[in-house]
C-alpha cells in the first residue's frame, strides 16, 4: 500500500517537473554577401513598421552577423 502511494506521488512530482517552463535559446547567425556597405541588419516583427523604434539592430562585422 505504501509503495503504491509512493509511486503515485513520485509520478505526480515527475509530471509536474516535466511540465515546468524551460528557458528557450534562439541564435540567429549568418553571412552578408551582397551588401558590403551595410553596417547593421534591422530585425523587425512581421507586423511592425520597418522604421519602428522597437527594431533590433544587429551589427555586421567582417560580413557576418550573430544575435543570441
PDB file of N, CA and C in Angstrom:
ATOM      1  N   UNK A   1       0.814  -1.185   0.000  1.00  0.00           N
ATOM      2  CA  UNK A   1       0.000   0.000   0.000  1.00  0.00           C
ATOM      3  C   UNK A   1       0.867   1.262   0.000  1.00  0.00           C
ATOM      4  N   UNK A   2       1.896   1.267   0.872  1.00  0.00           N
ATOM      5  CA  UNK A   2       2.773   2.425   0.944  1.00  0.00           C
ATOM      6  C   UNK A   2       3.586   2.583  -0.344  1.00  0.00           C
ATOM      7  N   UNK A   3       3.971   1.476  -0.940  1.00  0.00           N
ATOM      8  CA  UNK A   3       4.771   1.561  -2.169  1.00  0.00           C
ATOM      9  C   UNK A   3       3.937   2.103  -3.332  1.00  0.00           C
ATOM     10  N   UNK A   4       2.649   1.766  -3.388  1.00  0.00           N
ATOM     11  CA  UNK A   4       1.776   2.313  -4.435  1.00  0.00           C
ATOM     12  C   UNK A   4       1.595   3.813  -4.259  1.00  0.00           C
ATOM     13  N   UNK A   5       1.407   4.245  -3.018  1.00  0.00           N
ATOM     14  CA  UNK A   5       1.238   5.666  -2.726  1.00  0.00           C
ATOM     15  C   UNK A   5       2.522   6.427  -3.059  1.00  0.00           C
ATOM     16  N   UNK A   6       3.662   5.839  -2.705  1.00  0.00           N
ATOM     17  CA  UNK A   6       4.948   6.475  -3.009  1.00  0.00           C
ATOM     18  C   UNK A   6       5.155   6.572  -4.525  1.00  0.00           C
ATOM     19  N   UNK A   7       4.767   5.534  -5.256  1.00  0.00           N
ATOM     20  CA  UNK A   7       4.906   5.542  -6.710  1.00  0.00           C
ATOM     21  C   UNK A   7       3.998   6.602  -7.340  1.00  0.00           C
ATOM     22  N   UNK A   8       2.791   6.746  -6.833  1.00  0.00           N
ATOM     23  CA  UNK A   8       1.863   7.753  -7.357  1.00  0.00           C
ATOM     24  C   UNK A   8       2.396   9.156  -7.088  1.00  0.00           C
ATOM     25  N   UNK A   9       2.880   9.381  -5.870  1.00  0.00           N
ATOM     26  CA  UNK A   9       3.427  10.699  -5.528  1.00  0.00           C
ATOM     27  C   UNK A   9       4.659  11.002  -6.379  1.00  0.00           C
ATOM     28  N   UNK A  10       5.530  10.035  -6.546  1.00  0.00           N
ATOM     29  CA  UNK A  10       6.717  10.224  -7.381  1.00  0.00           C
ATOM     30  C   UNK A  10       6.319  10.517  -8.825  1.00  0.00           C
ATOM     31  N   UNK A  11       5.320   9.803  -9.319  1.00  0.00           N
ATOM     32  CA  UNK A  11       4.839  10.052 -10.682  1.00  0.00           C
ATOM     33  C   UNK A  11       4.275  11.447 -10.838  1.00  0.00           C
ATOM     34  N   UNK A  12       3.526  11.928  -9.870  1.00  0.00           N
ATOM     35  CA  UNK A  12       2.989  13.291  -9.916  1.00  0.00           C
ATOM     36  C   UNK A  12       4.097  14.333  -9.885  1.00  0.00           C
ATOM     37  N   UNK A  13       5.083  14.126  -9.041  1.00  0.00           N
ATOM     38  CA  UNK A  13       6.203  15.072  -8.962  1.00  0.00           C
ATOM     39  C   UNK A  13       6.959  15.119 -10.277  1.00  0.00           C
ATOM     40  N   UNK A  14       7.226  13.960 -10.865  1.00  0.00           N
ATOM     41  CA  UNK A  14       7.930  13.919 -12.145  1.00  0.00           C
ATOM     42  C   UNK A  14       7.120  14.583 -13.260  1.00  0.00           C
ATOM     43  N   UNK A  15       5.811  14.395 -13.242  1.00  0.00           N
ATOM     44  CA  UNK A  15       4.949  15.024 -14.240  1.00  0.00           C
ATOM     45  C   UNK A  15       4.977  16.539 -14.100  1.00  0.00           C
ATOM     46  N   UNK A  16       4.903  17.025 -12.885  1.00  0.00           N
ATOM     47  CA  UNK A  16       4.941  18.472 -12.650  1.00  0.00           C
ATOM     48  C   UNK A  16       6.281  19.047 -13.083  1.00  0.00           C
ATOM     49  N   UNK A  17       7.370  18.371 -12.762  1.00  0.00           N
ATOM     50  CA  UNK A  17       8.694  18.856 -13.159  1.00  0.00           C
ATOM     51  C   UNK A  17       8.877  18.831 -14.669  1.00  0.00           C
ATOM     52  N   UNK A  18       8.312  17.853 -15.341  1.00  0.00           N
ATOM     53  CA  UNK A  18       8.439  17.756 -16.797  1.00  0.00           C
ATOM     54  C   UNK A  18       7.655  18.861 -17.492  1.00  0.00           C
ATOM     55  N   UNK A  19       6.588  19.329 -16.861  1.00  0.00           N
ATOM     56  CA  UNK A  19       5.753  20.370 -17.464  1.00  0.00           C
ATOM     57  C   UNK A  19       6.192  21.777 -17.093  1.00  0.00           C
ATOM     58  N   UNK A  20       7.208  21.915 -16.267  1.00  0.00           N
ATOM     59  CA  UNK A  20       7.678  23.237 -15.848  1.00  0.00           C
ATOM     60  C   UNK A  20       8.251  23.978 -17.052  1.00  0.00           C
ATOM     61  N   UNK A  21       8.050  25.297 -17.113  1.00  0.00           N
ATOM     62  CA  UNK A  21       8.582  26.064 -18.244  1.00  0.00           C
ATOM     63  C   UNK A  21      10.105  26.005 -18.280  1.00  0.00           C
ATOM     64  N   UNK A  22      10.637  25.871 -19.468  1.00  0.00           N
ATOM     65  CA  UNK A  22      12.077  25.791 -19.652  1.00  0.00           C
ATOM     66  C   UNK A  22      12.548  27.027 -20.405  1.00  0.00           C
ATOM     67  N   UNK A  23      13.783  27.417 -20.154  1.00  0.00           N
ATOM     68  CA  UNK A  23      14.360  28.568 -20.837  1.00  0.00           C
ATOM     69  C   UNK A  23      14.641  28.199 -22.291  1.00  0.00           C
ATOM     70  N   UNK A  24      14.250  29.080 -23.200  1.00  0.00           N
ATOM     71  CA  UNK A  24      14.472  28.840 -24.623  1.00  0.00           C
ATOM     72  C   UNK A  24      15.594  29.744 -25.113  1.00  0.00           C
ATOM     73  N   UNK A  25      16.401  29.212 -25.987  1.00  0.00           N
ATOM     74  CA  UNK A  25      17.501  29.968 -26.559  1.00  0.00           C
ATOM     75  C   UNK A  25      17.382  29.950 -28.073  1.00  0.00           C
ATOM     76  N   UNK A  26      17.546  31.101 -28.652  1.00  0.00           N
ATOM     77  CA  UNK A  26      17.487  31.220 -30.109  1.00  0.00           C
ATOM     78  C   UNK A  26      18.738  31.952 -30.577  1.00  0.00           C
ATOM     79  N   UNK A  27      19.399  31.414 -31.573  1.00  0.00           N
ATOM     80  CA  UNK A  27      20.600  32.034 -32.121  1.00  0.00           C
ATOM     81  C   UNK A  27      20.369  32.272 -33.609  1.00  0.00           C
ATOM     82  N   UNK A  28      20.532  33.502 -34.025  1.00  0.00           N
ATOM     83  CA  UNK A  28      20.467  33.846 -35.446  1.00  0.00           C
ATOM     84  C   UNK A  28      21.852  34.294 -35.867  1.00  0.00           C
ATOM     85  N   UNK A  29      22.385  33.632 -36.853  1.00  0.00           N
ATOM     86  CA  UNK A  29      23.715  33.972 -37.342  1.00  0.00           C
ATOM     87  C   UNK A  29      23.750  33.751 -38.842  1.00  0.00           C
ATOM     88  N   UNK A  30      24.601  34.495 -39.512  1.00  0.00           N
ATOM     89  CA  UNK A  30      24.685  34.325 -40.949  1.00  0.00           C
ATOM     90  C   UNK A  30      25.763  35.184 -41.563  1.00  0.00           C
ATOM     91  N   UNK A  31      25.755  35.202 -42.877  1.00  0.00           N
ATOM     92  CA  UNK A  31      26.750  35.939 -43.630  1.00  0.00           C
ATOM     93  C   UNK A  31      26.046  36.848 -44.628  1.00  0.00           C
ATOM     94  N   UNK A  32      26.561  38.053 -44.786  1.00  0.00           N
ATOM     95  CA  UNK A  32      26.001  39.016 -45.727  1.00  0.00           C
ATOM     96  C   UNK A  32      26.948  39.080 -46.923  1.00  0.00           C
ATOM     97  N   UNK A  33      26.442  38.690 -48.107  1.00  0.00           N
ATOM     98  CA  UNK A  33      27.300  38.639 -49.292  1.00  0.00           C
ATOM     99  C   UNK A  33      27.105  39.819 -50.236  1.00  0.00           C
ATOM    100  N   UNK A  34      25.894  40.341 -50.302  1.00  0.00           N
ATOM    101  CA  UNK A  34      25.581  41.309 -51.362  1.00  0.00           C
ATOM    102  C   UNK A  34      25.543  42.758 -50.894  1.00  0.00           C
ATOM    103  N   UNK A  35      25.840  43.042 -49.646  1.00  0.00           N
ATOM    104  CA  UNK A  35      25.779  44.415 -49.143  1.00  0.00           C
ATOM    105  C   UNK A  35      27.038  44.738 -48.339  1.00  0.00           C
ATOM    106  N   UNK A  36      28.162  44.906 -48.975  1.00  0.00           N
ATOM    107  CA  UNK A  36      29.397  45.180 -48.224  1.00  0.00           C
ATOM    108  C   UNK A  36      29.382  46.546 -47.532  1.00  0.00           C
ATOM    109  N   UNK A  37      28.520  47.463 -47.984  1.00  0.00           N
ATOM    110  CA  UNK A  37      28.470  48.795 -47.386  1.00  0.00           C
ATOM    111  C   UNK A  37      27.602  48.842 -46.126  1.00  0.00           C
ATOM    112  N   UNK A  38      26.817  47.802 -45.842  1.00  0.00           N
ATOM    113  CA  UNK A  38      25.912  47.804 -44.693  1.00  0.00           C
ATOM    114  C   UNK A  38      26.683  47.590 -43.398  1.00  0.00           C
ATOM    115  N   UNK A  39      26.265  48.322 -42.344  1.00  0.00           N
ATOM    116  CA  UNK A  39      26.903  48.206 -41.044  1.00  0.00           C
ATOM    117  C   UNK A  39      26.056  47.408 -40.061  1.00  0.00           C
ATOM    118  N   UNK A  40      24.736  47.237 -40.359  1.00  0.00           N
ATOM    119  CA  UNK A  40      23.857  46.536 -39.434  1.00  0.00           C
ATOM    120  C   UNK A  40      22.662  45.963 -40.185  1.00  0.00           C
ATOM    121  N   UNK A  41      22.039  44.965 -39.560  1.00  0.00           N
ATOM    122  CA  UNK A  41      20.787  44.378 -40.051  1.00  0.00           C
ATOM    123  C   UNK A  41      19.706  44.771 -39.056  1.00  0.00           C
ATOM    124  N   UNK A  42      18.540  45.128 -39.542  1.00  0.00           N
ATOM    125  CA  UNK A  42      17.427  45.531 -38.689  1.00  0.00           C
ATOM    126  C   UNK A  42      16.462  44.352 -38.569  1.00  0.00           C
ATOM    127  N   UNK A  43      16.225  43.900 -37.336  1.00  0.00           N
ATOM    128  CA  UNK A  43      15.313  42.792 -37.058  1.00  0.00           C
ATOM    129  C   UNK A  43      13.994  43.379 -36.561  1.00  0.00           C
ATOM    130  N   UNK A  44      12.912  43.130 -37.319  1.00  0.00           N
ATOM    131  CA  UNK A  44      11.600  43.713 -37.022  1.00  0.00           C
ATOM    132  C   UNK A  44      10.558  42.601 -37.067  1.00  0.00           C
ATOM    133  N   UNK A  45       9.559  42.675 -36.187  1.00  0.00           N
ATOM    134  CA  UNK A  45       8.444  41.734 -36.237  1.00  0.00           C
ATOM    135  C   UNK A  45       7.677  41.937 -37.536  1.00  0.00           C
ATOM    136  N   UNK A  46       7.054  40.890 -38.028  1.00  0.00           N
ATOM    137  CA  UNK A  46       6.407  40.940 -39.336  1.00  0.00           C
ATOM    138  C   UNK A  46       5.276  41.957 -39.407  1.00  0.00           C
ATOM    139  N   UNK A  47       4.630  42.265 -38.308  1.00  0.00           N
ATOM    140  CA  UNK A  47       3.508  43.195 -38.316  1.00  0.00           C
ATOM    141  C   UNK A  47       3.913  44.612 -37.894  1.00  0.00           C
ATOM    142  N   UNK A  48       5.179  44.847 -37.560  1.00  0.00           N
ATOM    143  CA  UNK A  48       5.641  46.184 -37.186  1.00  0.00           C
ATOM    144  C   UNK A  48       6.134  46.938 -38.412  1.00  0.00           C
ATOM    145  N   UNK A  49       6.132  48.250 -38.269  1.00  0.00           N
ATOM    146  CA  UNK A  49       6.682  49.104 -39.318  1.00  0.00           C
ATOM    147  C   UNK A  49       8.204  48.970 -39.294  1.00  0.00           C
ATOM    148  N   UNK A  50       8.807  48.920 -40.463  1.00  0.00           N
ATOM    149  CA  UNK A  50      10.254  48.761 -40.584  1.00  0.00           C
ATOM    150  C   UNK A  50      10.992  49.906 -39.887  1.00  0.00           C
ATOM    151  N   UNK A  51      10.376  51.071 -39.822  1.00  0.00           N
ATOM    152  CA  UNK A  51      11.014  52.242 -39.226  1.00  0.00           C
ATOM    153  C   UNK A  51      10.741  52.365 -37.727  1.00  0.00           C
ATOM    154  N   UNK A  52      10.102  51.377 -37.114  1.00  0.00           N
ATOM    155  CA  UNK A  52       9.707  51.477 -35.710  1.00  0.00           C
ATOM    156  C   UNK A  52      10.923  51.492 -34.783  1.00  0.00           C
ATOM    157  N   UNK A  53      10.692  52.043 -33.608  1.00  0.00           N
ATOM    158  CA  UNK A  53      11.755  52.129 -32.611  1.00  0.00           C
ATOM    159  C   UNK A  53      12.011  50.788 -31.918  1.00  0.00           C
ATOM    160  N   UNK A  54      11.085  49.833 -32.060  1.00  0.00           N
ATOM    161  CA  UNK A  54      11.259  48.535 -31.397  1.00  0.00           C
ATOM    162  C   UNK A  54      12.156  47.583 -32.195  1.00  0.00           C
ATOM    163  N   UNK A  55      12.662  48.025 -33.329  1.00  0.00           N
ATOM    164  CA  UNK A  55      13.530  47.178 -34.149  1.00  0.00           C
ATOM    165  C   UNK A  55      14.864  46.941 -33.430  1.00  0.00           C
ATOM    166  N   UNK A  56      15.433  45.786 -33.660  1.00  0.00           N
ATOM    167  CA  UNK A  56      16.730  45.433 -33.080  1.00  0.00           C
ATOM    168  C   UNK A  56      17.779  45.572 -34.176  1.00  0.00           C
ATOM    169  N   UNK A  57      18.834  46.302 -33.895  1.00  0.00           N
ATOM    170  CA  UNK A  57      19.928  46.442 -34.853  1.00  0.00           C
ATOM    171  C   UNK A  57      21.016  45.428 -34.527  1.00  0.00           C
ATOM    172  N   UNK A  58      21.348  44.607 -35.503  1.00  0.00           N
ATOM    173  CA  UNK A  58      22.378  43.578 -35.343  1.00  0.00           C
ATOM    174  C   UNK A  58      23.596  44.032 -36.144  1.00  0.00           C
ATOM    175  N   UNK A  59      24.702  44.295 -35.484  1.00  0.00           N
ATOM    176  CA  UNK A  59      25.882  44.769 -36.212  1.00  0.00           C
ATOM    177  C   UNK A  59      26.470  43.698 -37.127  1.00  0.00           C
ATOM    178  N   UNK A  60      26.988  44.151 -38.262  1.00  0.00           N
ATOM    179  CA  UNK A  60      27.671  43.271 -39.217  1.00  0.00           C
ATOM    180  C   UNK A  60      29.164  43.522 -39.067  1.00  0.00           C
ATOM    181  N   UNK A  61      29.911  42.456 -38.788  1.00  0.00           N
ATOM    182  CA  UNK A  61      31.361  42.552 -38.653  1.00  0.00           C
ATOM    183  C   UNK A  61      32.004  41.538 -39.583  1.00  0.00           C
ATOM    184  N   UNK A  62      32.837  42.015 -40.481  1.00  0.00           N
ATOM    185  CA  UNK A  62      33.542  41.158 -41.442  1.00  0.00           C
ATOM    186  C   UNK A  62      32.557  40.278 -42.216  1.00  0.00           C
ATOM    187  N   UNK A  63      31.471  40.864 -42.676  1.00  0.00           N
ATOM    188  CA  UNK A  63      30.431  40.209 -43.490  1.00  0.00           C
ATOM    189  C   UNK A  63      29.643  39.134 -42.751  1.00  0.00           C
ATOM    190  N   UNK A  64      29.711  39.087 -41.421  1.00  0.00           N
ATOM    191  CA  UNK A  64      28.922  38.123 -40.663  1.00  0.00           C
ATOM    192  C   UNK A  64      28.146  38.840 -39.560  1.00  0.00           C
ATOM    193  N   UNK A  65      27.064  38.216 -39.123  1.00  0.00           N
ATOM    194  CA  UNK A  65      26.271  38.752 -38.023  1.00  0.00           C
ATOM    195  C   UNK A  65      25.812  37.607 -37.127  1.00  0.00           C
ATOM    196  N   UNK A  66      25.536  37.937 -35.878  1.00  0.00           N
ATOM    197  CA  UNK A  66      25.038  36.936 -34.920  1.00  0.00           C
ATOM    198  C   UNK A  66      24.319  37.653 -33.795  1.00  0.00           C
ATOM    199  N   UNK A  67      23.227  37.048 -33.350  1.00  0.00           N
ATOM    200  CA  UNK A  67      22.488  37.551 -32.187  1.00  0.00           C
ATOM    201  C   UNK A  67      22.096  36.333 -31.360  1.00  0.00           C
ATOM    202  N   UNK A  68      22.267  36.446 -30.051  1.00  0.00           N
ATOM    203  CA  UNK A  68      21.947  35.338 -29.144  1.00  0.00           C
ATOM    204  C   UNK A  68      20.799  35.722 -28.258  1.00  0.00           C
TER     205      UNK A  68
END
